[in-house]
Each structure stands twice: as C-alpha cells, then as structure tokens.
Protein backbone atom coordinates (compact mmCIF):
# COMPACT_ATOMS: atom_id res chain seq x y z
CA MET A 1 16.32 -32.19 -30.84
CA ALA A 2 14.89 -31.12 -27.46
CA VAL A 3 16.67 -28.51 -25.81
CA THR A 4 18.49 -29.22 -22.38
CA ILE A 5 19.22 -27.00 -19.59
CA LYS A 6 23.15 -27.47 -20.84
CA ASP A 7 22.12 -25.82 -23.90
CA VAL A 8 20.76 -23.14 -21.82
CA ALA A 9 23.65 -23.00 -19.70
CA ARG A 10 26.35 -23.12 -22.81
CA GLU A 11 24.01 -19.90 -24.28
CA ALA A 12 24.48 -18.03 -20.79
CA GLY A 13 27.54 -18.74 -20.18
CA VAL A 14 26.78 -20.41 -16.76
CA SER A 15 26.83 -23.55 -15.17
CA THR A 16 23.52 -25.97 -14.98
CA ALA A 17 23.16 -25.35 -11.33
CA THR A 18 22.86 -21.72 -12.34
CA VAL A 19 20.17 -21.77 -14.35
CA SER A 20 18.63 -24.41 -11.98
CA ARG A 21 18.66 -21.80 -9.53
CA VAL A 22 17.49 -19.17 -11.60
CA ILE A 23 14.53 -21.13 -12.43
CA ASN A 24 13.67 -21.57 -9.07
CA ASN A 25 14.23 -18.15 -7.66
CA ASP A 26 17.48 -19.11 -5.85
CA ALA A 27 18.10 -15.75 -4.03
CA ARG A 28 21.80 -16.14 -3.96
CA ILE A 29 21.74 -15.13 -8.08
CA THR A 30 22.44 -11.59 -9.31
CA VAL A 31 20.17 -9.86 -11.56
CA GLU A 32 23.33 -9.36 -13.88
CA THR A 33 23.35 -13.22 -13.97
CA ARG A 34 19.51 -13.98 -13.67
CA LEU A 35 18.85 -11.68 -16.98
CA ARG A 36 21.43 -13.58 -18.98
CA VAL A 37 19.84 -16.61 -18.34
CA LEU A 38 16.51 -15.72 -18.73
CA GLU A 39 17.51 -14.60 -22.29
CA ALA A 40 19.20 -17.28 -23.28
CA ILE A 41 16.10 -19.37 -21.87
CA ALA A 42 14.03 -17.20 -23.86
CA LYS A 43 16.50 -17.32 -27.04
CA LEU A 44 16.06 -21.15 -26.83
CA ASN A 45 12.53 -21.59 -25.94
CA TYR A 46 13.22 -23.89 -22.75
CA THR A 47 11.92 -23.33 -19.19
CA VAL A 48 10.10 -19.56 -19.80
CA ASN A 49 6.72 -22.03 -19.53
CA SER A 50 8.51 -23.90 -16.68
CA ILE A 51 9.42 -20.84 -14.41
CA ALA A 52 5.55 -19.22 -15.81
CA ARG A 53 4.19 -22.41 -14.07
CA SER A 54 6.24 -21.77 -10.90
CA LEU A 55 4.96 -18.33 -10.50
CA LYS A 56 1.71 -19.27 -11.08
CA SER A 57 1.60 -22.27 -8.40
CA ASN A 58 3.06 -19.86 -5.89
CA ARG A 59 0.57 -17.06 -5.45
CA THR A 60 1.01 -14.59 -3.10
CA HIS A 61 -1.32 -12.35 -3.53
CA THR A 62 1.30 -9.98 -3.10
CA VAL A 63 2.12 -7.06 -5.32
CA GLY A 64 5.28 -4.80 -5.10
CA PHE A 65 5.19 -0.96 -5.32
CA LEU A 66 8.77 0.83 -6.44
CA THR A 67 8.83 4.41 -5.68
CA PRO A 68 11.91 6.59 -6.54
CA GLU A 69 11.32 9.17 -3.52
CA ILE A 70 9.14 7.80 -0.61
CA ALA A 71 9.01 11.04 0.92
CA ASN A 72 7.27 13.01 -1.87
CA ASP A 73 3.69 13.54 -1.04
CA PHE A 74 2.63 12.63 -4.70
CA PHE A 75 3.93 9.20 -4.70
CA MET A 76 3.12 8.05 -1.79
CA THR A 77 -0.76 9.52 -2.23
CA VAL A 78 -0.29 7.30 -5.11
CA ALA A 79 0.56 4.51 -3.06
CA GLN A 80 -2.66 5.07 -1.12
CA GLY A 81 -4.80 4.80 -4.08
CA VAL A 82 -2.70 1.42 -5.07
CA GLU A 83 -3.21 -0.04 -1.70
CA ASP A 84 -6.73 1.12 -1.51
CA GLU A 85 -7.76 -0.90 -4.78
CA LEU A 86 -5.45 -4.08 -3.87
CA ARG A 87 -6.69 -4.41 -0.81
CA ALA A 88 -10.10 -4.64 -1.87
CA ALA A 89 -9.31 -7.38 -4.10
CA GLY A 90 -7.69 -8.90 -1.52
CA TYR A 91 -3.96 -8.34 -2.34
CA ASN A 92 -1.38 -7.52 0.24
CA MET A 93 1.49 -4.16 -1.26
CA ILE A 94 5.45 -4.13 -0.96
CA ILE A 95 6.68 -0.80 -0.46
CA CYS A 96 10.22 -0.19 -1.76
CA ASN A 97 12.23 2.70 -2.23
CA THR A 98 14.88 3.24 -4.92
CA ASN A 99 16.08 6.72 -4.31
CA GLU A 100 16.20 7.59 -8.21
CA SER A 101 18.51 5.23 -8.63
CA VAL A 102 18.33 2.88 -11.04
CA GLU A 103 21.21 0.21 -9.65
CA GLN A 104 18.70 0.48 -6.54
CA GLU A 105 15.47 0.04 -8.29
CA THR A 106 17.33 -3.55 -10.01
CA GLU A 107 18.07 -4.60 -6.58
CA ARG A 108 14.95 -3.64 -5.15
CA LEU A 109 12.94 -5.48 -8.22
CA ASN A 110 15.36 -8.71 -7.71
CA LEU A 111 14.26 -9.12 -3.93
CA LEU A 112 10.49 -8.89 -5.08
CA ILE A 113 11.00 -11.45 -7.64
CA GLN A 114 12.81 -13.59 -4.68
CA LYS A 115 9.56 -13.00 -2.83
CA ASN A 116 7.29 -14.32 -5.79
CA ILE A 117 5.23 -10.96 -5.95
CA ASP A 118 2.48 -11.91 -7.95
CA GLY A 119 2.77 -8.29 -10.42
CA VAL A 120 4.29 -5.00 -9.50
CA ILE A 121 3.74 -1.08 -10.25
CA ILE A 122 6.95 0.91 -10.71
CA VAL A 123 7.58 4.78 -10.63
CA PRO A 124 10.43 4.34 -12.81
CA ALA A 125 13.48 5.95 -11.52
CA GLY A 126 14.76 7.09 -15.22
CA GLY A 127 17.08 5.49 -17.46
CA SER A 128 16.29 3.39 -20.45
CA GLY A 129 14.30 0.80 -18.93
CA LYS A 130 16.54 -2.16 -20.22
CA HIS A 131 16.73 -3.40 -16.73
CA PHE A 132 12.83 -4.20 -16.63
CA ARG A 133 13.34 -6.51 -19.73
CA LEU A 134 13.91 -9.52 -16.46
CA LEU A 135 10.31 -8.94 -15.93
CA ALA A 136 8.77 -9.32 -19.29
CA GLU A 137 11.15 -12.42 -19.14
CA LEU A 138 9.09 -13.85 -16.00
CA LYS A 139 6.02 -12.73 -17.79
CA LEU A 140 5.40 -10.81 -14.26
CA PRO A 141 2.19 -8.33 -14.66
CA THR A 142 3.93 -4.74 -14.58
CA VAL A 143 2.56 -1.61 -14.55
CA LEU A 144 4.47 1.85 -14.85
CA VAL A 145 3.31 4.79 -12.82
CA ASP A 146 3.92 8.57 -14.06
CA ARG A 147 7.30 8.11 -15.85
CA LEU A 148 7.63 6.03 -19.27
CA THR A 149 10.57 4.19 -20.28
CA PRO A 150 11.91 4.29 -24.25
CA ASP A 151 13.28 0.53 -23.90
CA PHE A 152 10.47 -1.03 -21.70
CA VAL A 153 6.77 -1.57 -23.35
CA SER A 154 4.07 -1.72 -20.23
CA ASP A 155 1.00 -0.44 -19.22
CA ALA A 156 1.08 2.89 -17.96
CA VAL A 157 -1.21 5.39 -16.05
CA LEU A 158 -0.30 8.87 -15.56
CA SER A 159 -1.80 12.35 -16.25
CA ASP A 160 -2.29 13.85 -19.02
CA ASN A 161 0.58 16.29 -18.46
CA SER A 162 1.09 18.01 -21.94
CA ASN A 163 -2.95 18.79 -22.48
CA GLY A 164 -2.91 20.20 -18.79
CA VAL A 165 -0.29 22.41 -19.44
CA TYR A 166 -1.67 23.05 -22.64
CA LEU A 167 -5.19 24.34 -21.28
CA ALA A 168 -3.55 26.33 -18.52
CA VAL A 169 -1.47 28.73 -20.52
CA HIS A 170 -3.76 28.93 -23.32
CA HIS A 171 -6.30 30.28 -20.86
CA LEU A 172 -3.52 32.84 -19.67
CA ILE A 173 -2.66 33.98 -23.36
CA LYS A 174 -6.57 34.62 -23.80
CA ARG A 175 -6.66 36.82 -20.73
CA GLY A 176 -3.96 38.86 -21.90
CA PHE A 177 -0.31 37.34 -20.75
CA THR A 178 2.39 37.19 -23.78
CA HIS A 179 5.69 37.52 -21.62
CA PHE A 180 6.17 33.86 -20.30
CA GLY A 181 8.98 32.75 -17.83
CA PHE A 182 9.14 28.58 -17.27
CA ILE A 183 10.92 27.18 -14.71
CA GLY A 184 11.06 22.91 -15.24
CA GLY A 185 12.37 19.39 -13.74
CA ARG A 186 14.42 16.68 -15.24
CA MET A 187 13.95 16.47 -19.26
CA ASP A 188 14.87 13.03 -18.98
CA LEU A 189 11.42 11.95 -17.23
CA THR A 190 8.08 11.88 -19.06
CA PRO A 191 6.35 14.32 -16.64
CA ALA A 192 8.81 17.03 -17.34
CA LYS A 193 8.92 16.64 -20.44
CA GLU A 194 5.54 16.58 -21.82
CA ARG A 195 4.77 19.58 -19.53
CA TYR A 196 7.30 21.68 -21.30
CA ASP A 197 5.87 20.56 -24.45
CA GLY A 198 2.39 21.67 -23.67
CA PHE A 199 4.03 24.88 -22.75
CA CYS A 200 5.85 25.22 -26.17
CA ALA A 201 2.60 24.07 -27.56
CA ALA A 202 0.40 27.04 -25.95
CA LEU A 203 2.52 29.74 -26.99
CA ARG A 204 3.15 28.37 -30.59
CA GLU A 205 -0.70 27.89 -31.17
CA PHE A 206 -0.63 32.17 -30.81
CA SER A 207 2.74 32.51 -32.71
CA LEU A 208 5.09 33.02 -29.49
CA GLU A 209 7.97 31.48 -29.43
CA PRO A 210 9.33 29.98 -25.78
CA ASP A 211 12.21 32.41 -24.99
CA GLU A 212 15.90 30.46 -23.59
CA ARG A 213 16.57 33.54 -21.55
CA TYR A 214 13.15 33.17 -19.54
CA ILE A 215 13.45 29.22 -19.37
CA ARG A 216 15.56 27.10 -16.47
CA PHE A 217 15.12 23.72 -15.70
CA GLY A 218 15.76 22.26 -12.18
CA ASP A 219 16.14 18.77 -10.25
CA MET A 220 12.52 19.32 -9.15
CA HIS A 221 13.39 19.68 -5.41
CA VAL A 222 12.65 22.83 -3.51
CA ASP A 223 16.12 24.44 -3.40
CA SER A 224 16.41 24.32 -7.37
CA GLY A 225 12.70 26.21 -7.37
CA TYR A 226 13.81 29.09 -5.46
CA ARG A 227 17.53 29.18 -7.35
CA ALA A 228 15.26 29.45 -10.79
CA MET A 229 12.83 32.09 -9.57
CA SER A 230 15.28 34.30 -8.08
CA GLU A 231 17.48 34.12 -11.54
CA LEU A 232 14.31 35.11 -13.78
CA MET A 233 13.35 37.71 -10.99
CA GLU A 234 16.77 39.34 -11.58
CA LEU A 235 16.12 39.90 -15.01
CA PRO A 236 15.95 43.27 -16.38
CA ASP A 237 12.67 42.57 -18.71
CA ARG A 238 11.17 39.78 -16.22
CA PRO A 239 8.47 37.48 -17.08
CA ALA A 240 4.48 38.62 -16.29
CA CYS A 241 3.71 35.53 -15.83
CA ILE A 242 5.78 32.16 -14.75
CA PHE A 243 4.77 28.55 -15.36
CA ILE A 244 6.01 25.95 -12.66
CA ALA A 245 6.47 22.48 -13.83
CA ASN A 246 6.06 20.47 -10.22
CA TYR A 247 4.96 20.87 -6.43
CA TYR A 248 8.17 20.95 -4.97
CA MET A 249 9.57 23.54 -7.02
CA ASN A 250 6.35 25.85 -6.90
CA VAL A 251 7.05 25.59 -3.32
CA GLY A 252 10.57 27.16 -3.51
CA ALA A 253 9.71 29.30 -6.37
CA THR A 254 6.96 30.69 -3.87
CA LYS A 255 8.90 31.34 -1.05
CA TYR A 256 11.36 33.41 -3.49
CA VAL A 257 8.12 35.73 -4.03
CA VAL A 258 7.03 35.87 -0.07
CA GLU A 259 10.47 36.61 1.12
CA ARG A 260 11.11 38.98 -1.40
CA LYS A 261 7.30 40.71 -0.97
CA ILE A 262 6.99 40.96 -4.87
CA ASP A 263 4.41 42.86 -5.70
CA ARG A 264 1.37 40.84 -6.61
CA ASP A 265 0.30 42.93 -9.44
CA GLU A 266 3.57 42.26 -11.37
CA LEU A 267 3.34 38.29 -11.51
CA PHE A 268 0.95 35.88 -11.52
CA LEU A 269 2.17 32.17 -11.05
CA ALA A 270 0.90 29.17 -12.72
CA SER A 271 2.04 25.46 -11.65
CA PHE A 272 1.68 21.96 -12.16
CA ASP A 273 -0.10 20.16 -8.83
CA GLU A 274 -1.85 21.76 -5.97
CA MET A 275 0.13 23.78 -3.34
CA LEU A 276 -1.86 23.48 0.30
CA LEU A 277 -1.10 27.02 0.98
CA SER A 278 -2.10 28.71 -3.05
CA SER A 279 -5.90 29.31 -1.02
CA VAL A 280 -4.34 31.22 1.33
CA LEU A 281 -1.29 33.40 -0.24
CA ASP A 282 -2.19 36.76 -1.47
CA ILE A 283 -0.30 35.56 -4.98
CA PRO A 284 -2.71 35.45 -8.35
CA SER A 285 -2.41 32.25 -9.32
CA LEU A 286 -3.41 29.00 -11.30
CA THR A 287 -2.44 25.30 -10.77
CA ILE A 288 -3.07 22.14 -12.77
CA GLU A 289 -4.76 19.91 -10.18
CA GLN A 290 -4.08 16.13 -10.99
CA PRO A 291 -6.11 13.15 -9.74
CA ILE A 292 -3.47 11.12 -7.79
CA VAL A 293 -5.35 9.03 -5.76
CA THR A 294 -6.91 7.95 -9.05
CA ILE A 295 -3.93 7.26 -10.90
CA GLY A 296 -3.12 4.72 -8.25
CA ARG A 297 -6.42 3.16 -8.75
CA GLU A 298 -6.41 3.14 -12.22
CA ALA A 299 -2.84 1.42 -12.14
CA ALA A 300 -3.85 -1.52 -9.57
CA LYS A 301 -6.91 -1.79 -11.72
CA LEU A 302 -4.61 -2.35 -14.80
CA LEU A 303 -2.05 -4.66 -12.82
CA LEU A 304 -5.24 -6.66 -11.18
CA HIS A 305 -6.79 -7.33 -14.42
CA ARG A 306 -2.95 -8.77 -15.98
CA ILE A 307 -2.97 -11.19 -12.78
CA PRO A 308 -4.52 -14.40 -13.92
CA ALA A 309 -5.75 -15.36 -10.65
CA ALA A 310 -7.35 -11.78 -10.13
CA ARG A 311 -8.94 -11.54 -13.90
CA ALA A 312 -12.70 -13.15 -13.75
CA PRO A 313 -13.36 -15.77 -16.05
CA ASP A 314 -15.80 -13.26 -17.84
CA SER A 315 -13.65 -10.41 -18.02
CA GLU A 316 -12.57 -8.85 -21.22
CA GLU A 317 -9.11 -8.98 -22.11
CA LEU A 318 -7.37 -5.28 -22.17
CA PRO A 319 -5.20 -4.71 -25.47
CA PHE A 320 -1.49 -4.00 -24.46
CA PRO A 321 0.05 -2.08 -23.37
CA THR A 322 -2.90 0.13 -22.41
CA ILE A 323 -1.74 4.00 -21.88
CA LYS A 324 -4.02 5.59 -19.65
CA ARG A 325 -3.66 9.21 -19.28
CA LEU A 326 -6.27 10.91 -16.93
CA PRO A 327 -7.46 14.41 -17.59
CA THR A 328 -6.11 17.11 -14.58
CA ARG A 329 -8.16 20.32 -13.72
CA LEU A 330 -7.41 23.68 -13.60
CA VAL A 331 -7.53 25.39 -9.79
CA PHE A 332 -7.78 29.41 -9.91
CA HIS A 333 -6.36 31.10 -6.69
CA GLU A 334 -6.90 35.00 -7.50
CA LYS A 335 -9.22 37.90 -7.88
CA GLN A 336 -9.87 39.32 -10.62
CA TYR A 337 -6.19 40.00 -12.20
CA LEU A 338 -4.84 41.34 -15.91
CA PRO A 339 -1.21 41.99 -16.84
CA THR A 340 0.14 44.95 -16.46
CA ARG A 341 3.08 44.39 -19.18
C-alpha cells in the first residue's frame, strides 16, 4: 500500500498541514519540526523526491556561506575565494554569521533553506554536526571548510594541519631545539586537534615527549595567546621554542614578547598562519602559511560539482565524500639562529 501524507504526519507526530508546509519550505516551520518531518519522510520513503523536485525546479543560482566569526580575517579570505569561483560560474553568495553558536548556525541554515539556495558552504561552529542532518535529508549540496564534524559526512576542504606542524617542528628539532612549549586552541575543533597531533608526532619521532608543564590551550583569540605566553615565560625553566597554533593567539603571544622585551636570543617562535608584522619584528620565527584563498576556491569547485545545474554533461562524478587537504608552506623570519639551551 502506498504511503500517504497522513502516514508521514502520524510518524512525525504532527498534522498533515505541517507536513505539507515542510515540503513547501514554509518559513513558519521550526528547524526541529522540519527535521522530525524529514526523518519521517526518509523512513517511510515518501515525498523526499517531491522535495528534491521542488528544489530542482526552483534554482536560484545562490549559495549560502556560514562563518562562525565574520570579523575573522581567515574566514573572510576563504569567503573571498568562494565568491570568486561562484561569480565566475554565475552564482551569488549569501554570507551568514553564526557567532560560534550551533543554535545560531541552525537558525541561519533554516533561513537559507527558505530562500531555496542551491548549496551551502559551512565553517561549522562546533558540536557533533547532528543538526546538519536536515541538509542530507534535503539532498542539499554541502561542503565543510576548515572544520569537520563527527556525525555529519560531507565534502570538505581544509589545510593539511597535522603535516604542516609536523614538518615545522621536525625542521626545528633538526636545527637543535629540544625544549618546546605549545599554545593551542579549542581541542573540539579540527584545526586545533590536528595541529597538536602534528606537534606530538614530530617530537615522538625524535624520542621526545610533550611535557604538560609547557602546554597551554586557549580560545583562539588574542587575549588567550597573551595569557598563555605570560604563563610559559614565567616558568623557571621556560621553553627555548614555543609553537603557537593560530594567528590571533600568535598576535597575543607576540604582543607579550614585545612588551616584555624578551631577548631575541632567548626565544624562538613558530606558529600556524602568517602574521602581517612577522617580517618586520625583530623576533626569530617560523610560520606555516595556509593557501587560504585556494581553500575557498576549492570548496566552491566541489560544491559546483555537486549542484546538477552547474555540472557539465561530460564531467566526471566525484567520489563521496571528497576530503581535500591542501599543503601548507614554511616561511622563515630570522637571521641564522641556533638555540642557546
């Protein structure tokens, strides 16, 4: 017997009118209700095709871009790369800020879905990614950038974080450094975890173990970098080389070093992301440069491959999911420098 809209309503615990509104992308339906109805639709194998047909017949040539922090230079540079690629393909982009909030991220997604976007590129705010299941139910092309989520499988583009840090620390150990400190970000986010993993892997290759006394974690912002550096510099046996896991924490850490006029022969800094003033500061340092614009471009290319209207008839189907990890580059800002301890 064919499944009816009443069956879907009964399964989801809502009215048939609510099911109809979900199918027609009515803005009055909450994300939670929409997800419950779509799960019932998928379970009973009803009207998902109708939703897909609706989306297909109402192409807007518009893509959503969700960023957790709109004032962050990294995310806006990624957005530049995304928009460059989309514009060349005849697409527009709507940027939404989520303020590192899963709740706001869910709200923004609901808004974008109401606008019948053709796809979405997301820098996840965190969490498990369960709230992204709605995108899978709608079969909406989705690409994650910079961060992965454990409970949502999708195409993604990010830097090769672990290998980038591994190569940097490997180089520094070869130069003679053995006493390292580490300032990291939120370990629930992909970049922070992978960079710490790369740091540890390089140390262990040379039979060195990460020492918790010289490791600090923060929230990826300037103040936490400053605070972490001050704590490490106040230790009686402070590190000769400190690795800093992201741009803003590096700004804070460097600010502390400059303010306290720490002798350049006493400390070497290594960090992920190129700081604009690195080349003019008299602090020996090594930075790992990410291909930020390219990350955005590659994310847009992946998305365009997933949008049927944008895919050329003879294009080769990509495997799913496609995870692209882009190589980084080491940049040196130093005169000849060897550790004194």
